[in-house]
């Protein structure tokens, strides 16, 4: 357990540093979008490009892992909607609540954290979850949220617009570019490889720091105060129900004879146990949802995940 905390503590401490820097004014709020842009368009794509370049296609697009995680995401969205969608909470807010319950922070936190815990082989299963969350989970929930405004007849158009938004995300393209370079047998020139390495190495600390700053800003931009009963249950669904569902489905698949390795299942489960993705608060703000509720779900899941994720990582390591 001590070895697990030795890895997880610095990760969550950097998130706290970003939150503190923004709260105390050390980091100008106007700089937060720039930090987020650096991570999203430069540092993290370079990190994922290197994984794409060094891993086989079958590892990064494992159909069994994709199918298992896709089913878990669909069930999590349905479960969260069933438990939270009430007349007092419109479909738009319920959909964004379902998104933060089913969409872990795999990009900014999950890949570097699980690689630090279990080595580069952990990146393959985690990247499989990124494909699902970017192209399915987020698209589905945004389509539901937009259908609330546009009406049921425009749900298909809303889904297509959400999918186009997912296609504009640079992370899957970076992975695909790495796979393409490896498939063609190309070797990058030394200076270019050095630039990619430097940017990729910067991804982890800057991404974690940015998570904290983004969470502080989202809380400041909240439209209204949200009582704990409206956000804590969703945070607990994220941290407890999501990994339990992934593990349960995976064990059932193994029992039925699916070629799913124990290590792969553990990595999927740990990815699901991560806190909610911090960028969902910006999506909620963009689409006019209650970003205060979403921000508090993300913040509470991030605070609680230090203990819950560490305990689960320790349990699965034995």
Protein backbone atom coordinates (compact mmCIF):
# COMPACT_ATOMS: atom_id res chain seq x y z
CA UNK A 1 0.00 0.00 0.00
CA UNK A 2 2.84 2.37 0.81
CA UNK A 3 4.31 1.80 -2.65
CA UNK A 4 0.97 2.69 -4.27
CA UNK A 5 0.64 5.89 -2.24
CA UNK A 6 4.21 6.80 -3.18
CA UNK A 7 3.06 6.90 -6.82
CA UNK A 8 -0.45 8.34 -6.46
CA UNK A 9 0.36 11.07 -3.91
CA UNK A 10 2.50 13.19 -6.28
CA UNK A 11 -0.17 12.97 -8.99
CA UNK A 12 -2.97 14.22 -6.77
CA UNK A 13 -0.64 16.74 -5.08
CA UNK A 14 0.02 18.36 -8.47
CA UNK A 15 -3.74 18.70 -8.99
CA UNK A 16 -3.95 20.40 -5.60
CA UNK A 17 -1.08 22.71 -6.56
CA UNK A 18 -2.95 23.83 -9.68
CA UNK A 19 -6.12 24.46 -7.66
CA UNK A 20 -4.18 26.43 -5.02
CA UNK A 21 -2.29 28.49 -7.62
CA UNK A 22 -5.53 29.52 -9.32
CA UNK A 23 -7.34 30.16 -6.03
CA UNK A 24 -4.55 32.35 -4.64
CA UNK A 25 -4.06 34.30 -7.84
CA UNK A 26 -0.56 32.96 -8.43
CA UNK A 27 -1.90 31.69 -11.76
CA UNK A 28 -3.86 34.30 -13.70
CA UNK A 29 -7.27 32.86 -14.67
CA UNK A 30 -6.66 34.16 -18.18
CA UNK A 31 -3.71 31.74 -18.45
CA UNK A 32 -5.80 28.62 -17.73
CA UNK A 33 -7.12 28.21 -21.31
CA UNK A 34 -3.54 28.52 -22.56
CA UNK A 35 -2.35 25.79 -20.22
CA UNK A 36 -5.24 23.59 -21.27
CA UNK A 37 -4.46 24.23 -24.93
CA UNK A 38 -0.78 23.38 -24.45
CA UNK A 39 -1.67 20.04 -22.88
CA UNK A 40 -4.47 19.17 -25.31
CA UNK A 41 -2.78 20.20 -28.57
CA UNK A 42 0.93 19.77 -27.87
CA UNK A 43 2.09 17.81 -24.82
CA UNK A 44 -0.47 15.02 -24.52
CA UNK A 45 -0.64 14.29 -28.27
CA UNK A 46 3.14 13.86 -28.30
CA UNK A 47 2.93 11.44 -25.37
CA UNK A 48 0.18 9.42 -27.06
CA UNK A 49 2.03 9.54 -30.39
CA UNK A 50 4.97 7.80 -28.74
CA UNK A 51 2.70 5.07 -27.36
CA UNK A 52 1.07 4.67 -30.77
CA UNK A 53 4.48 4.40 -32.37
CA UNK A 54 5.75 1.77 -29.94
CA UNK A 55 2.69 -0.51 -29.60
CA UNK A 56 0.99 -2.87 -32.07
CA UNK A 57 -2.40 -1.97 -33.51
CA UNK A 58 -4.01 -5.02 -31.90
CA UNK A 59 -3.07 -3.68 -28.46
CA UNK A 60 -4.42 -0.17 -28.98
CA UNK A 61 -7.60 -1.34 -30.75
CA UNK A 62 -8.32 -4.59 -28.93
CA UNK A 63 -11.91 -5.46 -29.92
CA UNK A 64 -12.58 -7.36 -26.67
CA UNK A 65 -11.45 -4.44 -24.52
CA UNK A 66 -13.34 -1.94 -26.67
CA UNK A 67 -16.53 -4.02 -26.56
CA UNK A 68 -16.34 -4.60 -22.81
CA UNK A 69 -15.68 -0.97 -21.98
CA UNK A 70 -18.32 0.21 -24.46
CA UNK A 71 -20.96 -1.96 -22.78
CA UNK A 72 -19.90 -0.69 -19.35
CA UNK A 73 -20.15 2.93 -20.56
CA UNK A 74 -23.63 2.37 -21.97
CA UNK A 75 -24.80 0.75 -18.72
CA UNK A 76 -23.27 3.53 -16.61
CA UNK A 77 -25.03 6.22 -18.64
CA UNK A 78 -28.34 4.34 -18.37
CA UNK A 79 -27.88 3.71 -14.64
CA UNK A 80 -27.03 7.34 -13.86
CA UNK A 81 -29.95 8.64 -15.89
CA UNK A 82 -32.31 6.20 -14.17
CA UNK A 83 -31.16 7.29 -10.71
CA UNK A 84 -30.90 11.05 -11.26
CA UNK A 85 -33.30 12.16 -14.02
CA UNK A 86 -36.26 13.74 -12.30
CA UNK A 87 -38.65 16.60 -13.18
CA UNK A 88 -36.49 18.93 -11.06
CA UNK A 89 -33.41 17.93 -13.08
CA UNK A 90 -33.86 18.31 -16.82
CA UNK A 91 -32.53 15.90 -19.41
CA UNK A 92 -29.63 18.21 -20.25
CA UNK A 93 -28.29 18.27 -16.69
CA UNK A 94 -29.02 14.57 -16.22
CA UNK A 95 -27.08 13.80 -19.42
CA UNK A 96 -24.03 15.75 -18.27
CA UNK A 97 -24.26 14.04 -14.90
CA UNK A 98 -24.23 10.71 -16.72
CA UNK A 99 -21.21 11.86 -18.72
CA UNK A 100 -19.13 12.66 -15.64
CA UNK A 101 -20.22 9.35 -14.08
CA UNK A 102 -19.05 7.34 -17.10
CA UNK A 103 -16.10 9.40 -18.43
CA UNK A 104 -12.91 9.06 -16.33
CA UNK A 105 -9.97 11.41 -16.59
CA UNK A 106 -7.95 8.94 -18.65
CA UNK A 107 -6.29 11.48 -20.95
CA UNK A 108 -4.88 14.03 -18.52
CA UNK A 109 -4.41 11.66 -15.57
CA UNK A 110 -5.05 8.00 -16.39
CA UNK A 111 -2.38 7.27 -18.99
CA UNK A 112 0.57 8.71 -17.03
CA UNK A 113 -0.68 7.42 -13.67
CA UNK A 114 -1.27 3.82 -14.77
CA UNK A 115 1.99 3.79 -16.73
CA UNK A 116 3.78 4.97 -13.59
CA UNK A 117 2.12 2.17 -11.60
CA UNK A 118 2.35 -0.71 -14.09
CA UNK A 119 4.75 0.26 -16.86
CA UNK A 120 4.22 1.04 -20.55
CA UNK A 121 2.10 -2.08 -21.08
CA UNK A 122 -0.71 -0.35 -19.14
CA UNK A 123 -1.05 2.27 -21.87
CA UNK A 124 -2.72 -0.09 -24.37
CA UNK A 125 -5.86 -0.88 -22.33
CA UNK A 126 -6.16 2.73 -21.15
CA UNK A 127 -5.96 4.02 -24.72
CA UNK A 128 -8.80 1.63 -25.61
CA UNK A 129 -10.94 3.44 -23.03
CA UNK A 130 -10.02 6.80 -24.58
CA UNK A 131 -11.37 5.67 -27.97
CA UNK A 132 -14.69 4.65 -26.39
CA UNK A 133 -15.11 7.76 -24.25
CA UNK A 134 -14.22 10.24 -26.98
CA UNK A 135 -16.29 8.70 -29.76
CA UNK A 136 -19.16 7.05 -27.89
CA UNK A 137 -19.70 8.17 -24.29
CA UNK A 138 -19.25 11.89 -24.86
CA UNK A 139 -21.12 11.84 -28.19
CA UNK A 140 -24.07 9.98 -26.69
CA UNK A 141 -24.42 12.25 -23.65
CA UNK A 142 -23.96 15.47 -25.62
CA UNK A 143 -26.56 14.25 -28.11
CA UNK A 144 -28.99 13.64 -25.23
CA UNK A 145 -28.24 17.07 -23.81
CA UNK A 146 -28.80 18.77 -27.16
CA UNK A 147 -31.96 16.77 -27.79
CA UNK A 148 -33.33 18.43 -24.66
CA UNK A 149 -33.15 21.78 -26.46
CA UNK A 150 -33.81 20.69 -30.02
CA UNK A 151 -36.54 18.14 -29.34
CA UNK A 152 -36.51 14.38 -29.92
CA UNK A 153 -36.77 14.76 -33.71
CA UNK A 154 -33.33 16.38 -33.83
CA UNK A 155 -31.55 13.79 -31.69
CA UNK A 156 -29.84 12.28 -34.76
CA UNK A 157 -28.49 15.65 -35.86
CA UNK A 158 -27.31 16.33 -32.31
CA UNK A 159 -25.50 12.98 -32.26
CA UNK A 160 -23.74 13.76 -35.55
CA UNK A 161 -22.68 17.17 -34.27
CA UNK A 162 -21.31 15.57 -31.11
CA UNK A 163 -19.40 13.03 -33.19
CA UNK A 164 -17.88 15.81 -35.29
CA UNK A 165 -16.74 17.42 -32.05
CA UNK A 166 -15.06 14.17 -31.00
CA UNK A 167 -13.30 13.95 -34.37
CA UNK A 168 -11.82 17.40 -33.79
CA UNK A 169 -10.06 16.17 -30.64
CA UNK A 170 -6.32 15.80 -31.37
CA UNK A 171 -5.72 12.84 -29.03
CA UNK A 172 -7.05 10.00 -31.23
CA UNK A 173 -5.33 11.52 -34.24
CA UNK A 174 -2.03 11.55 -32.37
CA UNK A 175 -2.41 7.85 -31.55
CA UNK A 176 -3.32 7.11 -35.18
CA UNK A 177 -0.31 9.08 -36.41
CA UNK A 178 1.99 7.06 -34.17
CA UNK A 179 0.48 3.83 -35.47
CA UNK A 180 0.92 5.05 -39.06
CA UNK A 181 4.57 5.96 -38.57
CA UNK A 182 5.25 2.55 -37.03
CA UNK A 183 3.36 0.72 -39.80
CA UNK A 184 5.36 2.51 -42.49
CA UNK A 185 8.62 1.73 -40.69
CA UNK A 186 9.65 5.38 -40.60
CA UNK A 187 12.26 6.70 -38.21
CA UNK A 188 11.80 10.29 -37.13
CA UNK A 189 14.78 12.64 -37.52
CA UNK A 190 16.74 13.09 -34.30
CA UNK A 191 15.76 16.73 -33.61
CA UNK A 192 12.07 16.01 -34.29
CA UNK A 193 12.14 12.96 -32.03
CA UNK A 194 13.74 15.08 -29.30
CA UNK A 195 11.03 17.74 -29.61
CA UNK A 196 8.31 15.10 -29.35
CA UNK A 197 10.00 13.59 -26.30
CA UNK A 198 10.35 16.94 -24.56
CA UNK A 199 6.72 17.83 -25.16
CA UNK A 200 5.55 14.35 -24.13
CA UNK A 201 7.58 14.52 -20.93
CA UNK A 202 5.88 17.82 -20.08
CA UNK A 203 2.40 16.30 -20.45
CA UNK A 204 2.07 14.73 -17.01
CA UNK A 205 3.00 17.61 -14.67
CA UNK A 206 1.33 20.32 -16.76
CA UNK A 207 -1.84 18.25 -17.27
CA UNK A 208 -2.23 17.55 -13.56
CA UNK A 209 -1.57 21.18 -12.64
CA UNK A 210 -4.10 22.23 -15.28
CA UNK A 211 -6.77 19.88 -13.88
CA UNK A 212 -6.59 21.71 -10.55
CA UNK A 213 -6.76 25.13 -12.18
CA UNK A 214 -9.68 24.11 -14.41
CA UNK A 215 -11.60 22.77 -11.41
CA UNK A 216 -11.12 26.04 -9.52
CA UNK A 217 -12.27 28.09 -12.51
CA UNK A 218 -15.31 25.89 -13.07
CA UNK A 219 -16.33 26.41 -9.46
CA UNK A 220 -15.99 30.18 -9.82
CA UNK A 221 -18.10 30.22 -12.97
CA UNK A 222 -20.87 28.11 -11.44
CA UNK A 223 -24.29 29.55 -12.13
CA UNK A 224 -25.63 28.66 -8.67
CA UNK A 225 -24.80 26.72 -5.53
CA UNK A 226 -25.51 23.01 -5.65
CA UNK A 227 -26.51 21.01 -2.54
CA UNK A 228 -24.36 17.91 -1.85
CA UNK A 229 -27.30 15.57 -2.45
CA UNK A 230 -27.20 16.57 -6.13
CA UNK A 231 -23.53 15.84 -6.78
CA UNK A 232 -22.05 13.46 -4.18
CA UNK A 233 -24.14 10.42 -5.27
CA UNK A 234 -22.93 10.86 -8.86
CA UNK A 235 -19.31 11.12 -7.69
CA UNK A 236 -19.75 7.87 -5.76
CA UNK A 237 -21.28 6.21 -8.82
CA UNK A 238 -18.16 7.22 -10.74
CA UNK A 239 -15.69 5.93 -8.16
CA UNK A 240 -17.51 2.78 -6.99
CA UNK A 241 -20.17 1.64 -9.44
CA UNK A 242 -18.15 2.26 -12.62
CA UNK A 243 -15.09 0.14 -11.73
CA UNK A 244 -17.31 -2.52 -10.12
CA UNK A 245 -19.35 -2.73 -13.32
CA UNK A 246 -16.24 -3.02 -15.51
CA UNK A 247 -14.76 -5.71 -13.27
CA UNK A 248 -18.04 -7.63 -13.11
CA UNK A 249 -18.54 -7.57 -16.88
CA UNK A 250 -14.92 -8.56 -17.41
CA UNK A 251 -15.12 -11.53 -15.05
CA UNK A 252 -18.33 -12.65 -16.76
CA UNK A 253 -16.63 -12.37 -20.15
CA UNK A 254 -13.68 -14.43 -18.94
CA UNK A 255 -16.05 -17.06 -17.55
CA UNK A 256 -17.72 -17.26 -20.97
CA UNK A 257 -14.33 -17.85 -22.57
CA UNK A 258 -13.42 -14.39 -23.88
CA UNK A 259 -9.67 -13.93 -24.52
CA UNK A 260 -9.36 -11.23 -21.88
CA UNK A 261 -6.14 -11.26 -19.86
CA UNK A 262 -6.22 -10.58 -16.11
CA UNK A 263 -3.79 -7.68 -16.54
CA UNK A 264 -5.98 -6.06 -19.20
CA UNK A 265 -9.05 -6.35 -17.01
CA UNK A 266 -7.22 -4.82 -14.05
CA UNK A 267 -6.12 -1.85 -16.18
CA UNK A 268 -9.67 -1.29 -17.48
CA UNK A 269 -10.99 -1.44 -13.92
CA UNK A 270 -8.41 1.05 -12.66
CA UNK A 271 -9.16 3.37 -15.59
CA UNK A 272 -12.84 3.28 -14.63
CA UNK A 273 -11.88 4.06 -11.00
CA UNK A 274 -10.27 7.37 -11.99
CA UNK A 275 -12.07 10.63 -11.13
CA UNK A 276 -14.35 12.28 -13.65
CA UNK A 277 -12.83 14.00 -16.68
CA UNK A 278 -12.17 17.65 -15.90
CA UNK A 279 -12.97 18.90 -19.41
CA UNK A 280 -16.65 17.96 -18.98
CA UNK A 281 -17.13 21.14 -16.94
CA UNK A 282 -16.14 23.18 -19.99
CA UNK A 283 -18.54 21.17 -22.16
CA UNK A 284 -21.34 21.76 -19.66
CA UNK A 285 -20.63 25.49 -19.73
CA UNK A 286 -20.60 25.49 -23.55
CA UNK A 287 -23.96 23.74 -23.85
CA UNK A 288 -25.69 25.72 -21.11
CA UNK A 289 -25.94 22.95 -18.52
CA UNK A 290 -25.56 23.43 -14.77
CA UNK A 291 -21.77 23.61 -14.78
CA UNK A 292 -21.74 24.22 -11.02
CA UNK A 293 -23.18 20.75 -10.41
CA UNK A 294 -20.81 19.19 -12.94
CA UNK A 295 -17.79 20.98 -11.45
CA UNK A 296 -18.66 19.78 -7.96
CA UNK A 297 -19.05 16.20 -9.16
CA UNK A 298 -15.61 16.38 -10.77
CA UNK A 299 -14.00 18.08 -7.77
CA UNK A 300 -15.49 15.69 -5.20
CA UNK A 301 -14.60 12.64 -7.31
CA UNK A 302 -11.03 13.94 -7.64
CA UNK A 303 -10.69 14.49 -3.90
CA UNK A 304 -12.19 11.11 -3.00
CA UNK A 305 -10.29 9.25 -5.71
CA UNK A 306 -6.96 9.76 -3.97
CA UNK A 307 -8.10 7.25 -1.36
CA UNK A 308 -10.51 5.10 -3.38
CA UNK A 309 -8.22 4.70 -6.39
CA UNK A 310 -5.18 4.02 -4.22
CA UNK A 311 -7.02 1.36 -2.22
CA UNK A 312 -8.31 -0.35 -5.37
CA UNK A 313 -4.87 -0.20 -7.02
CA UNK A 314 -3.38 -1.83 -3.93
CA UNK A 315 -6.09 -4.51 -3.83
CA UNK A 316 -5.65 -5.37 -7.52
CA UNK A 317 -1.87 -5.49 -7.17
CA UNK A 318 -2.04 -8.41 -4.74
